Protein backbone atom coordinates (compact mmCIF):
# COMPACT_ATOMS: atom_id res chain seq x y z
CA MET A 1 253.20 105.41 25.07
CA LYS A 2 256.84 106.93 25.14
CA ILE A 3 257.69 108.53 21.56
CA TYR A 4 261.17 108.44 20.21
CA ALA A 5 261.84 111.66 17.89
CA PHE A 6 265.06 110.65 15.85
CA ASP A 7 267.04 113.28 13.58
CA VAL A 8 265.57 116.21 15.45
CA ARG A 9 266.94 119.23 14.34
CA ASP A 10 267.66 122.39 16.72
CA ASP A 11 264.66 124.10 14.71
CA GLU A 12 262.28 121.38 15.36
CA ARG A 13 262.79 121.23 19.25
CA GLN A 14 260.30 124.29 20.32
CA TYR A 15 257.69 122.48 18.60
CA PHE A 16 258.23 119.04 20.24
CA GLU A 17 258.47 121.03 23.47
CA GLN A 18 255.08 122.68 22.93
CA LEU A 19 253.51 119.16 22.12
CA LYS A 20 254.99 117.47 25.13
CA LYS A 21 253.57 120.22 27.45
CA GLU A 22 250.20 120.88 25.78
CA LYS A 23 249.43 117.18 25.17
CA GLY A 24 251.20 115.68 28.32
CA LEU A 25 253.15 112.99 25.96
CA ASP A 26 256.40 111.28 26.69
CA ILE A 27 258.81 112.35 23.91
CA GLN A 28 262.70 111.51 23.70
CA LEU A 29 264.41 113.77 21.64
CA ARG A 30 267.34 112.23 19.70
CA THR A 31 269.82 113.87 17.10
CA ASP A 32 271.06 110.41 15.64
CA SER A 33 268.93 108.06 13.18
CA LEU A 34 266.87 105.02 13.89
CA THR A 35 269.34 102.16 12.65
CA MET A 36 269.74 98.52 13.14
CA ASP A 37 272.14 100.00 16.00
CA THR A 38 269.94 101.94 17.77
CA ILE A 39 266.63 99.98 17.65
CA PRO A 40 267.85 97.34 20.34
CA PHE A 41 268.11 100.01 23.18
CA LEU A 42 264.46 101.21 22.45
CA GLU A 43 261.67 100.53 25.22
CA GLU A 44 259.23 98.20 24.20
CA ASN A 45 255.44 99.30 23.14
CA SER A 46 256.71 102.59 22.09
CA ALA A 47 256.62 104.55 18.97
CA VAL A 48 258.96 106.35 16.62
CA THR A 49 259.24 109.33 14.48
CA ILE A 50 262.10 109.83 11.72
CA LEU A 51 262.81 111.89 9.03
CA GLY A 52 263.77 110.43 5.52
CA MET A 53 267.62 110.03 6.39
CA GLU A 54 267.87 106.44 6.42
CA LYS A 55 266.28 103.61 4.70
CA TYR A 56 264.01 101.30 6.17
CA GLY A 57 263.47 97.93 4.90
CA GLU A 58 262.68 94.16 5.99
CA ALA A 59 265.50 94.10 8.48
CA GLU A 60 264.70 97.15 10.06
CA MET A 61 260.81 96.13 10.43
CA LYS A 62 261.61 92.94 11.55
CA ALA A 63 263.76 94.49 14.56
CA LEU A 64 261.13 97.14 15.54
CA ALA A 65 258.64 94.24 15.40
CA ALA A 66 260.83 92.22 17.55
CA LYS A 67 260.86 95.26 20.11
CA LYS A 68 256.91 95.36 19.98
CA ILE A 69 257.14 98.93 18.43
CA TYR A 70 254.35 98.98 15.96
CA TYR A 71 253.81 102.79 15.01
CA LEU A 72 256.44 104.39 12.89
CA SER A 73 255.83 107.73 11.60
CA THR A 74 258.07 110.16 8.95
CA ARG A 75 258.01 113.68 9.28
CA THR A 76 258.10 113.94 5.54
CA ILE A 77 255.74 114.10 2.65
CA GLY A 78 257.62 111.31 0.58
CA TYR A 79 258.08 108.05 1.94
CA ASP A 80 259.85 106.46 -0.47
CA HIS A 81 262.35 105.58 2.13
CA ILE A 82 260.19 103.46 3.86
CA ASP A 83 259.44 99.63 2.40
CA LEU A 84 255.38 99.72 3.18
CA GLU A 85 255.13 96.20 2.32
CA ALA A 86 257.87 95.11 4.74
CA ALA A 87 255.67 97.35 7.24
CA LYS A 88 252.44 95.46 6.36
CA LYS A 89 254.43 91.87 6.90
CA TYR A 90 255.38 92.90 10.23
CA GLY A 91 252.15 94.52 11.44
CA ILE A 92 253.85 98.15 11.98
CA HIS A 93 251.27 101.04 10.96
CA VAL A 94 252.99 103.63 9.20
CA ALA A 95 252.07 107.70 8.71
CA ASN A 96 253.59 110.35 6.74
CA ALA A 97 253.67 114.09 7.21
CA ALA A 98 251.77 116.93 5.65
CA TYR A 99 252.17 120.95 5.43
CA GLY A 100 250.82 123.38 3.31
CA PRO A 101 251.89 123.33 -0.46
CA GLU A 102 252.46 127.02 -0.59
CA SER A 103 256.28 126.60 0.88
CA VAL A 104 257.41 124.15 -2.35
CA ALA A 105 255.06 125.99 -4.51
CA ASP A 106 256.68 129.53 -3.71
CA TYR A 107 260.16 128.11 -4.10
CA THR A 108 259.37 126.75 -7.29
CA ILE A 109 258.55 129.79 -8.91
CA MET A 110 261.46 131.40 -7.44
CA MET A 111 263.51 128.69 -8.89
CA ILE A 112 262.11 129.47 -12.37
CA LEU A 113 262.84 133.04 -12.17
CA LEU A 114 266.22 132.42 -11.14
CA CYS A 115 266.57 130.20 -14.07
CA LEU A 116 265.31 132.64 -16.57
CA ARG A 117 267.47 135.41 -15.66
CA PRO A 118 271.28 134.37 -15.31
CA TYR A 119 271.19 135.16 -11.49
CA LYS A 120 274.26 132.88 -10.64
CA GLN A 121 276.83 134.88 -12.70
CA ALA A 122 275.26 138.27 -11.63
CA LEU A 123 275.87 137.24 -8.15
CA TRP A 124 279.42 136.05 -8.81
CA ARG A 125 280.24 139.30 -10.81
CA MET A 126 278.85 141.32 -7.73
CA GLN A 127 281.22 139.67 -5.55
CA VAL A 128 284.25 141.03 -7.70
CA ASN A 129 283.03 144.40 -8.31
CA ASP A 130 282.20 143.48 -11.95
CA PHE A 131 279.20 145.41 -13.00
CA SER A 132 279.21 144.39 -16.56
CA LEU A 133 276.18 143.14 -18.41
CA GLY A 134 277.38 141.01 -20.97
CA GLY A 135 276.07 137.61 -21.09
CA LEU A 136 273.45 138.30 -18.49
CA ILE A 137 270.36 138.90 -20.68
CA GLY A 138 267.21 136.94 -19.54
CA ARG A 139 263.65 136.15 -20.56
CA GLU A 140 260.36 137.19 -19.37
CA ILE A 141 258.11 134.33 -18.28
CA HIS A 142 254.85 135.94 -19.59
CA ASP A 143 256.35 135.05 -23.03
CA LEU A 144 256.82 131.63 -22.23
CA THR A 145 255.04 128.24 -21.62
CA ILE A 146 255.56 126.42 -18.56
CA GLY A 147 254.71 122.72 -18.32
CA VAL A 148 253.89 121.32 -14.77
CA ILE A 149 253.79 117.63 -14.21
CA GLY A 150 251.67 116.49 -11.56
CA THR A 151 249.01 118.43 -10.22
CA GLY A 152 248.39 117.27 -6.43
CA ARG A 153 248.37 119.86 -4.06
CA ILE A 154 251.98 121.59 -4.73
CA GLY A 155 251.60 121.26 -8.68
CA SER A 156 248.20 122.74 -8.50
CA THR A 157 249.33 125.47 -6.18
CA VAL A 158 252.19 126.19 -8.46
CA ILE A 159 249.98 126.28 -11.53
CA ARG A 160 247.53 128.84 -9.31
CA GLU A 161 250.46 131.15 -8.29
CA LEU A 162 251.92 131.04 -11.91
CA SER A 163 248.35 132.06 -13.37
CA GLY A 164 249.40 135.51 -12.12
CA PHE A 165 252.25 135.91 -14.63
CA GLY A 166 250.21 135.69 -17.58
CA CYS A 167 252.34 132.60 -19.02
CA LYS A 168 250.83 129.80 -20.99
CA ILE A 169 250.41 126.89 -18.79
CA ILE A 170 249.94 123.38 -19.79
CA ALA A 171 249.95 120.31 -17.16
CA TYR A 172 249.91 116.60 -17.10
CA ASP A 173 248.11 114.43 -14.65
CA LYS A 174 246.61 111.00 -14.82
CA TYR A 175 243.79 112.29 -12.92
CA PRO A 176 243.00 116.05 -14.16
CA LYS A 177 241.28 118.18 -11.87
CA GLU A 178 238.56 120.89 -12.71
CA GLU A 179 239.92 123.43 -10.65
CA VAL A 180 243.23 123.36 -12.34
CA LYS A 181 241.90 123.76 -15.65
CA LYS A 182 240.78 127.27 -14.56
CA TYR A 183 244.30 128.23 -15.03
CA ALA A 184 246.16 125.70 -17.14
CA ALA A 185 245.41 123.00 -19.91
CA TYR A 186 245.92 119.57 -19.59
CA VAL A 187 247.72 117.98 -22.46
CA ASP A 188 247.19 114.12 -23.06
CA THR A 189 250.54 112.94 -23.10
CA LEU A 190 254.05 113.59 -21.52
CA ASP A 191 255.57 113.76 -25.23
CA GLU A 192 253.18 116.47 -25.44
CA LEU A 193 254.35 118.45 -22.54
CA TYR A 194 257.97 117.91 -23.21
CA LYS A 195 257.50 119.31 -26.97
CA GLU A 196 255.47 122.70 -26.00
CA ALA A 197 256.96 123.59 -22.73
CA ASP A 198 259.85 126.22 -22.58
CA VAL A 199 259.95 125.46 -18.51
CA ILE A 200 259.18 122.00 -17.17
CA THR A 201 258.63 121.73 -13.21
CA ILE A 202 258.06 118.31 -11.95
CA HIS A 203 255.67 117.59 -8.98
CA THR A 204 254.98 113.79 -8.96
CA VAL A 205 255.35 111.08 -6.58
CA LEU A 206 258.22 108.86 -6.62
CA ASN A 207 257.73 105.48 -7.19
CA ASP A 208 258.75 102.68 -9.69
CA SER A 209 256.94 104.21 -12.54
CA THR A 210 258.25 107.53 -12.23
CA TYR A 211 262.04 106.88 -10.98
CA HIS A 212 264.21 108.45 -13.64
CA MET A 213 261.12 109.77 -15.75
CA ILE A 214 263.05 112.43 -17.04
CA ASP A 215 265.82 110.46 -18.66
CA GLY A 216 267.64 110.69 -21.86
CA ASN A 217 264.81 109.91 -24.07
CA ALA A 218 262.62 112.42 -22.18
CA ILE A 219 264.95 115.27 -22.77
CA ALA A 220 265.58 114.20 -26.47
CA LYS A 221 261.63 115.14 -26.86
CA MET A 222 262.10 118.59 -25.35
CA LYS A 223 262.71 121.94 -26.67
CA ASP A 224 266.62 123.35 -27.28
CA GLY A 225 267.26 125.38 -24.44
CA VAL A 226 264.38 123.79 -22.22
CA VAL A 227 264.70 124.86 -18.29
CA LEU A 228 263.99 122.23 -15.77
CA VAL A 229 263.06 122.47 -12.32
CA ASN A 230 263.18 119.76 -9.25
CA CYS A 231 261.76 120.50 -5.79
CA ALA A 232 260.38 117.32 -5.47
CA ARG A 233 262.12 114.14 -5.28
CA GLY A 234 265.80 113.50 -6.86
CA PRO A 235 265.71 110.45 -8.12
CA LEU A 236 262.91 111.62 -10.67
CA MET A 237 265.42 112.93 -12.88
CA ASP A 238 268.30 110.84 -14.02
CA MET A 239 271.70 112.61 -13.19
CA SER A 240 273.50 111.46 -16.07
CA ALA A 241 271.26 112.60 -18.24
CA LEU A 242 271.22 116.00 -16.55
CA ILE A 243 274.87 116.34 -17.03
CA ALA A 244 274.78 115.19 -20.64
CA GLY A 245 271.94 117.77 -21.22
CA ILE A 246 273.98 120.66 -19.65
CA GLU A 247 277.16 119.72 -21.43
CA SER A 248 275.25 119.82 -24.86
CA GLU A 249 273.41 122.81 -24.30
CA LYS A 250 270.17 121.01 -24.92
CA ILE A 251 269.12 121.96 -21.67
CA GLY A 252 269.32 125.78 -20.87
CA ALA A 253 269.08 125.84 -17.34
CA LEU A 254 268.52 123.35 -14.20
CA GLY A 255 266.64 124.70 -10.89
CA LEU A 256 267.41 121.64 -8.44
CA ASP A 257 266.53 121.73 -4.92
CA THR A 258 267.20 117.91 -4.70
CA VAL A 259 269.13 115.30 -6.68
CA GLU A 260 269.45 111.41 -6.78
CA ASN A 261 271.82 110.09 -3.92
CA GLU A 262 271.95 113.13 -1.97
CA GLN A 263 271.35 111.02 1.49
CA SER A 264 275.13 110.90 2.40
CA TYR A 265 275.22 114.68 2.55
CA VAL A 266 272.25 116.54 2.67
CA HIS A 267 271.60 118.67 5.49
CA GLN A 268 274.82 118.03 6.53
CA ASN A 269 277.94 120.61 6.72
CA ARG A 270 280.66 118.98 4.37
CA LYS A 271 282.76 122.01 3.90
CA THR A 272 286.04 120.55 5.24
CA ASP A 273 285.19 116.97 3.89
CA ILE A 274 286.65 115.19 0.94
CA PHE A 275 283.22 115.64 -1.31
CA SER A 276 283.13 112.20 -3.12
CA ASP A 277 279.92 112.77 -5.21
CA ARG A 278 281.74 113.45 -8.24
CA ASP A 279 278.22 113.99 -10.17
CA ILE A 280 276.94 116.80 -8.13
CA ALA A 281 280.14 118.13 -7.77
CA TYR A 282 280.53 119.03 -11.43
CA LEU A 283 276.93 119.51 -12.40
CA LYS A 284 276.66 122.34 -9.66
CA GLN A 285 279.59 124.42 -11.17
CA PHE A 286 277.80 125.05 -14.21
CA LYS A 287 276.87 128.79 -14.81
CA ASN A 288 273.07 127.78 -15.42
CA VAL A 289 272.63 125.47 -12.56
CA ILE A 290 271.31 126.48 -9.47
CA TYR A 291 271.32 124.00 -6.66
CA THR A 292 270.02 124.52 -3.23
CA GLN A 293 270.32 122.04 -0.41
CA HIS A 294 266.74 120.44 -0.11
CA MET A 295 265.14 123.19 1.52
CA ALA A 296 262.28 124.25 -0.80
CA PHE A 297 259.99 123.03 1.90
CA TYR A 298 261.69 124.87 4.66
CA THR A 299 259.59 127.30 6.39
CA GLU A 300 258.61 128.12 9.99
CA GLU A 301 254.83 126.88 9.08
CA ALA A 302 255.76 123.49 7.40
CA VAL A 303 258.42 122.63 10.02
CA ARG A 304 255.58 123.17 12.58
CA SER A 305 253.24 120.97 10.74
CA MET A 306 255.93 118.25 10.13
CA VAL A 307 256.62 117.94 13.60
CA GLU A 308 252.60 118.11 14.62
CA ALA A 309 252.00 115.55 11.79
CA GLY A 310 254.97 113.20 12.78
CA VAL A 311 253.84 112.92 16.65
CA LEU A 312 250.26 113.15 16.56
CA SER A 313 249.91 110.59 13.84
CA LEU A 314 251.48 108.03 16.31
CA VAL A 315 249.00 109.00 19.15
CA ASP A 316 246.00 108.57 16.79
CA MET A 317 247.00 105.33 15.50
CA ASN A 318 248.33 104.18 19.01
CA GLN A 319 244.62 104.86 19.94
CA GLY A 320 242.90 103.30 17.13
CA LYS A 321 241.85 106.52 15.51
CA GLU A 322 241.72 107.14 11.97
CA THR A 323 244.38 109.60 10.52
CA ARG A 324 244.36 110.82 6.66
CA LEU A 325 248.12 110.62 6.99
CA GLN A 326 248.21 106.67 7.54
CA LEU A 327 249.93 104.93 4.80
CA VAL A 328 249.62 101.44 6.28
């Protein structure tokens, strides 16, 4: 079986090459994306691994099935860019990736700490030799209540790591875990978490029920000066509501590693282009907004795991083996 790897970054190549050598696999590495323009040129009965740079719906699934390509993997944990119902309709088996939760958990805690100390202003001042302290006073995490939405692998790791800071931790999840209860107190409703938490970090999946779960109504229920952190999926938070919250100072600080509608520029060099996303261009210039380029996952360990999962899931599915990462 030939495997096409699309959206391949330079940092992934060594791991693809290792798999080719160790497993004797036929893998063609491509830097472009899998699209309706590229599908017709793929070999029949091959398999494909992608990143979440494009949307894959009815048309794409139909085109893959027409080429007898029935195995698709995404080298990401999130899979909202893939229409699973369309995949099922055309008999296409889909798998996602997995990597240790520590990369995103560590990054989340870094974001929280940066938001609690005016890091951005301090950094700007140092570039022009301004060593003053005015306006740079911060807060200590041990005095605060941290609210964690979603206690899956990443959320529970955030909670365990946060427990060492001595802060009060509350959590919300439809399916509470006994292990998490060692470090955090579950609340019964999101409204309770919104009311009590000084800092809120979100670690839930993106689906129809969680889309824009942090909107204007949710923010209105939060404490004045609340700190919000999103290292999960951009559309979990309504961009217009975030802007309104920052402008009104209802939100004290934002730590964002992902935002909605980032697909047109994320992981690209756009410094010489006309940048037309007015919302993020406006939001990221505020002194209390930290925005990074969707890199919370980005460690050597995670990249290796993503490549291995993306390739080996295709092999397992083709051989009829069970894989815990198979979605349909």
